[in-house]
Amino acid sequence: MQTFNIQDAKTHFSRLVEAASEGEEIVITKAGRPVARLVPITHSSVERKFGALKGQVRIAEDFDAPLPDDVLASFDGR
């Protein structure tokens, strides 16, 4: 882990982003106190499978039916 003050981080930003993309963690400080951390983005190793929940989700027949008047009135504050 490398530490840079905010001025040095601004000056060498491209180099720091490159280092982070290669797996390094960079801490940016202001007045000697850590204020930000530059870390690499990790990609999920789990691949999504289309249709994985097929047969496990049920949608009610009246899913898109209009709401009853008393429920609609509660949205209006009546």
N, C-alpha and C. Protein backbone atom coordinates (compact mmCIF):
# COMPACT_ATOMS: atom_id res chain seq x y z
N MET A 1 0.84 -1.17 0.00
CA MET A 1 0.00 0.00 0.00
C MET A 1 0.89 1.24 0.00
N GLN A 2 0.61 2.13 -0.94
CA GLN A 2 1.35 3.38 -1.02
C GLN A 2 0.49 4.52 -0.49
N THR A 3 1.13 5.54 0.05
CA THR A 3 0.43 6.71 0.58
C THR A 3 0.95 7.96 -0.12
N PHE A 4 0.02 8.82 -0.56
CA PHE A 4 0.37 10.07 -1.24
C PHE A 4 -0.45 11.19 -0.64
N ASN A 5 0.18 12.37 -0.50
CA ASN A 5 -0.63 13.52 -0.08
C ASN A 5 -1.44 13.96 -1.30
N ILE A 6 -2.44 14.77 -1.05
CA ILE A 6 -3.40 15.12 -2.10
C ILE A 6 -2.74 15.84 -3.28
N GLN A 7 -1.75 16.69 -3.01
CA GLN A 7 -1.06 17.41 -4.09
C GLN A 7 -0.29 16.44 -4.99
N ASP A 8 0.44 15.49 -4.38
CA ASP A 8 1.17 14.50 -5.17
C ASP A 8 0.22 13.60 -5.94
N ALA A 9 -0.92 13.28 -5.33
CA ALA A 9 -1.91 12.44 -6.01
C ALA A 9 -2.45 13.14 -7.25
N LYS A 10 -2.69 14.46 -7.14
CA LYS A 10 -3.17 15.22 -8.30
C LYS A 10 -2.11 15.24 -9.40
N THR A 11 -0.86 15.41 -9.00
CA THR A 11 0.22 15.48 -9.97
C THR A 11 0.45 14.16 -10.69
N HIS A 12 0.33 13.06 -9.97
CA HIS A 12 0.64 11.73 -10.53
C HIS A 12 -0.60 10.85 -10.66
N PHE A 13 -1.75 11.47 -10.88
CA PHE A 13 -3.01 10.73 -10.89
C PHE A 13 -3.02 9.56 -11.88
N SER A 14 -2.57 9.81 -13.11
CA SER A 14 -2.58 8.75 -14.13
C SER A 14 -1.74 7.56 -13.69
N ARG A 15 -0.59 7.84 -13.12
CA ARG A 15 0.29 6.77 -12.66
C ARG A 15 -0.35 6.00 -11.50
N LEU A 16 -1.04 6.71 -10.61
CA LEU A 16 -1.69 6.05 -9.48
C LEU A 16 -2.86 5.18 -9.94
N VAL A 17 -3.62 5.67 -10.91
CA VAL A 17 -4.72 4.87 -11.46
C VAL A 17 -4.18 3.60 -12.11
N GLU A 18 -3.09 3.72 -12.83
CA GLU A 18 -2.47 2.55 -13.45
C GLU A 18 -2.03 1.54 -12.38
N ALA A 19 -1.41 2.04 -11.31
CA ALA A 19 -0.97 1.15 -10.23
C ALA A 19 -2.16 0.46 -9.58
N ALA A 20 -3.25 1.19 -9.37
CA ALA A 20 -4.45 0.59 -8.78
C ALA A 20 -5.05 -0.46 -9.70
N SER A 21 -5.03 -0.19 -11.00
CA SER A 21 -5.60 -1.16 -11.95
C SER A 21 -4.79 -2.45 -11.98
N GLU A 22 -3.54 -2.37 -11.54
CA GLU A 22 -2.69 -3.57 -11.47
C GLU A 22 -2.78 -4.27 -10.12
N GLY A 23 -3.67 -3.79 -9.24
CA GLY A 23 -3.92 -4.47 -7.99
C GLY A 23 -3.39 -3.78 -6.75
N GLU A 24 -2.74 -2.65 -6.90
CA GLU A 24 -2.18 -1.96 -5.76
C GLU A 24 -3.21 -1.05 -5.10
N GLU A 25 -3.11 -0.88 -3.80
CA GLU A 25 -4.00 0.01 -3.06
C GLU A 25 -3.24 1.28 -2.74
N ILE A 26 -3.86 2.43 -3.04
CA ILE A 26 -3.23 3.73 -2.82
C ILE A 26 -4.09 4.51 -1.83
N VAL A 27 -3.46 5.07 -0.80
CA VAL A 27 -4.17 5.90 0.17
C VAL A 27 -3.77 7.35 -0.08
N ILE A 28 -4.78 8.22 -0.14
CA ILE A 28 -4.54 9.65 -0.35
C ILE A 28 -4.81 10.36 0.97
N THR A 29 -3.84 11.21 1.37
CA THR A 29 -3.95 11.89 2.65
C THR A 29 -4.09 13.40 2.46
N LYS A 30 -4.67 14.04 3.46
CA LYS A 30 -4.77 15.50 3.49
C LYS A 30 -4.36 15.91 4.90
N ALA A 31 -3.34 16.73 4.98
CA ALA A 31 -2.79 17.17 6.27
C ALA A 31 -2.39 15.96 7.12
N GLY A 32 -1.88 14.92 6.46
CA GLY A 32 -1.39 13.74 7.16
C GLY A 32 -2.45 12.73 7.56
N ARG A 33 -3.73 13.02 7.27
CA ARG A 33 -4.81 12.09 7.62
C ARG A 33 -5.37 11.44 6.37
N PRO A 34 -5.57 10.13 6.38
CA PRO A 34 -6.14 9.45 5.21
C PRO A 34 -7.56 9.98 4.92
N VAL A 35 -7.81 10.32 3.65
CA VAL A 35 -9.14 10.82 3.27
C VAL A 35 -9.76 10.01 2.13
N ALA A 36 -8.94 9.27 1.38
CA ALA A 36 -9.49 8.50 0.27
C ALA A 36 -8.59 7.30 0.00
N ARG A 37 -9.18 6.31 -0.66
CA ARG A 37 -8.43 5.11 -1.00
C ARG A 37 -8.72 4.78 -2.46
N LEU A 38 -7.69 4.55 -3.22
CA LEU A 38 -7.80 4.18 -4.63
C LEU A 38 -7.51 2.69 -4.71
N VAL A 39 -8.50 1.92 -5.11
CA VAL A 39 -8.36 0.47 -5.15
C VAL A 39 -8.82 -0.06 -6.50
N PRO A 40 -8.34 -1.23 -6.89
CA PRO A 40 -8.79 -1.79 -8.17
C PRO A 40 -10.23 -2.27 -8.08
N ILE A 41 -10.91 -2.22 -9.21
CA ILE A 41 -12.26 -2.76 -9.28
C ILE A 41 -12.15 -4.25 -9.49
N THR A 42 -12.85 -5.00 -8.66
CA THR A 42 -12.83 -6.45 -8.81
C THR A 42 -14.11 -6.86 -9.53
N HIS A 43 -13.96 -7.73 -10.48
CA HIS A 43 -15.11 -8.21 -11.24
C HIS A 43 -15.62 -9.50 -10.61
N SER A 44 -16.91 -9.64 -10.63
CA SER A 44 -17.54 -10.82 -10.07
C SER A 44 -17.14 -12.05 -10.87
N SER A 45 -16.78 -13.09 -10.17
CA SER A 45 -16.39 -14.32 -10.85
C SER A 45 -17.60 -15.23 -11.10
N VAL A 46 -18.76 -14.83 -10.57
CA VAL A 46 -19.97 -15.62 -10.76
C VAL A 46 -20.65 -15.18 -12.04
N GLU A 47 -20.86 -16.11 -12.94
CA GLU A 47 -21.52 -15.80 -14.19
C GLU A 47 -23.02 -16.00 -14.02
N ARG A 48 -23.80 -15.02 -14.46
CA ARG A 48 -25.24 -15.13 -14.35
C ARG A 48 -25.78 -16.05 -15.43
N LYS A 49 -26.75 -16.85 -15.05
CA LYS A 49 -27.34 -17.78 -16.00
C LYS A 49 -28.78 -17.36 -16.26
N PHE A 50 -29.08 -17.05 -17.52
CA PHE A 50 -30.42 -16.64 -17.91
C PHE A 50 -31.40 -17.77 -17.64
N GLY A 51 -32.50 -17.44 -16.94
CA GLY A 51 -33.53 -18.42 -16.67
C GLY A 51 -33.26 -19.27 -15.45
N ALA A 52 -32.34 -18.86 -14.60
CA ALA A 52 -31.97 -19.67 -13.43
C ALA A 52 -33.13 -19.83 -12.45
N LEU A 53 -34.06 -18.87 -12.41
CA LEU A 53 -35.19 -18.95 -11.48
C LEU A 53 -36.48 -19.42 -12.15
N LYS A 54 -36.36 -19.96 -13.33
CA LYS A 54 -37.54 -20.42 -14.05
C LYS A 54 -38.29 -21.46 -13.21
N GLY A 55 -39.60 -21.21 -13.05
CA GLY A 55 -40.45 -22.11 -12.27
C GLY A 55 -40.44 -21.81 -10.78
N GLN A 56 -39.63 -20.88 -10.32
CA GLN A 56 -39.55 -20.57 -8.90
C GLN A 56 -40.24 -19.25 -8.54
N VAL A 57 -40.60 -18.47 -9.54
CA VAL A 57 -41.25 -17.19 -9.30
C VAL A 57 -42.66 -17.24 -9.86
N ARG A 58 -43.63 -16.78 -9.06
CA ARG A 58 -45.01 -16.79 -9.51
C ARG A 58 -45.55 -15.36 -9.44
N ILE A 59 -46.23 -14.93 -10.49
CA ILE A 59 -46.84 -13.61 -10.54
C ILE A 59 -48.35 -13.79 -10.49
N ALA A 60 -48.99 -13.10 -9.58
CA ALA A 60 -50.43 -13.23 -9.39
C ALA A 60 -51.18 -12.81 -10.65
N GLU A 61 -52.33 -13.41 -10.87
CA GLU A 61 -53.17 -13.10 -12.03
C GLU A 61 -53.57 -11.64 -12.07
N ASP A 62 -53.81 -11.04 -10.89
CA ASP A 62 -54.27 -9.65 -10.83
C ASP A 62 -53.11 -8.67 -10.61
N PHE A 63 -51.93 -9.04 -11.00
CA PHE A 63 -50.73 -8.21 -10.78
C PHE A 63 -50.90 -6.79 -11.30
N ASP A 64 -51.45 -6.64 -12.47
CA ASP A 64 -51.57 -5.30 -13.07
C ASP A 64 -53.00 -4.73 -12.98
N ALA A 65 -53.81 -5.29 -12.10
CA ALA A 65 -55.17 -4.79 -11.92
C ALA A 65 -55.13 -3.44 -11.20
N PRO A 66 -56.10 -2.56 -11.47
CA PRO A 66 -56.15 -1.27 -10.78
C PRO A 66 -56.29 -1.47 -9.27
N LEU A 67 -55.72 -0.54 -8.51
CA LEU A 67 -55.83 -0.60 -7.05
C LEU A 67 -57.24 -0.25 -6.61
N PRO A 68 -57.68 -0.80 -5.48
CA PRO A 68 -59.01 -0.44 -4.96
C PRO A 68 -59.04 1.05 -4.60
N ASP A 69 -60.27 1.63 -4.61
CA ASP A 69 -60.44 3.06 -4.34
C ASP A 69 -59.90 3.47 -2.98
N ASP A 70 -60.07 2.64 -1.94
CA ASP A 70 -59.59 3.02 -0.61
C ASP A 70 -58.06 3.09 -0.55
N VAL A 71 -57.38 2.24 -1.31
CA VAL A 71 -55.92 2.29 -1.35
C VAL A 71 -55.46 3.52 -2.13
N LEU A 72 -56.12 3.81 -3.24
CA LEU A 72 -55.78 5.02 -4.00
C LEU A 72 -56.01 6.28 -3.18
N ALA A 73 -57.08 6.28 -2.36
CA ALA A 73 -57.38 7.44 -1.53
C ALA A 73 -56.29 7.67 -0.49
N SER A 74 -55.70 6.59 0.03
CA SER A 74 -54.63 6.76 1.02
C SER A 74 -53.39 7.40 0.41
N PHE A 75 -53.17 7.22 -0.87
CA PHE A 75 -52.04 7.88 -1.54
C PHE A 75 -52.29 9.37 -1.67
N ASP A 76 -53.56 9.75 -1.79
CA ASP A 76 -53.91 11.16 -1.92
C ASP A 76 -54.06 11.84 -0.57
N GLY A 77 -53.95 11.08 0.53
CA GLY A 77 -54.08 11.65 1.87
C GLY A 77 -55.51 11.81 2.31
N ARG A 78 -56.42 11.12 1.67
CA ARG A 78 -57.84 11.21 2.05
C ARG A 78 -58.19 10.13 3.04
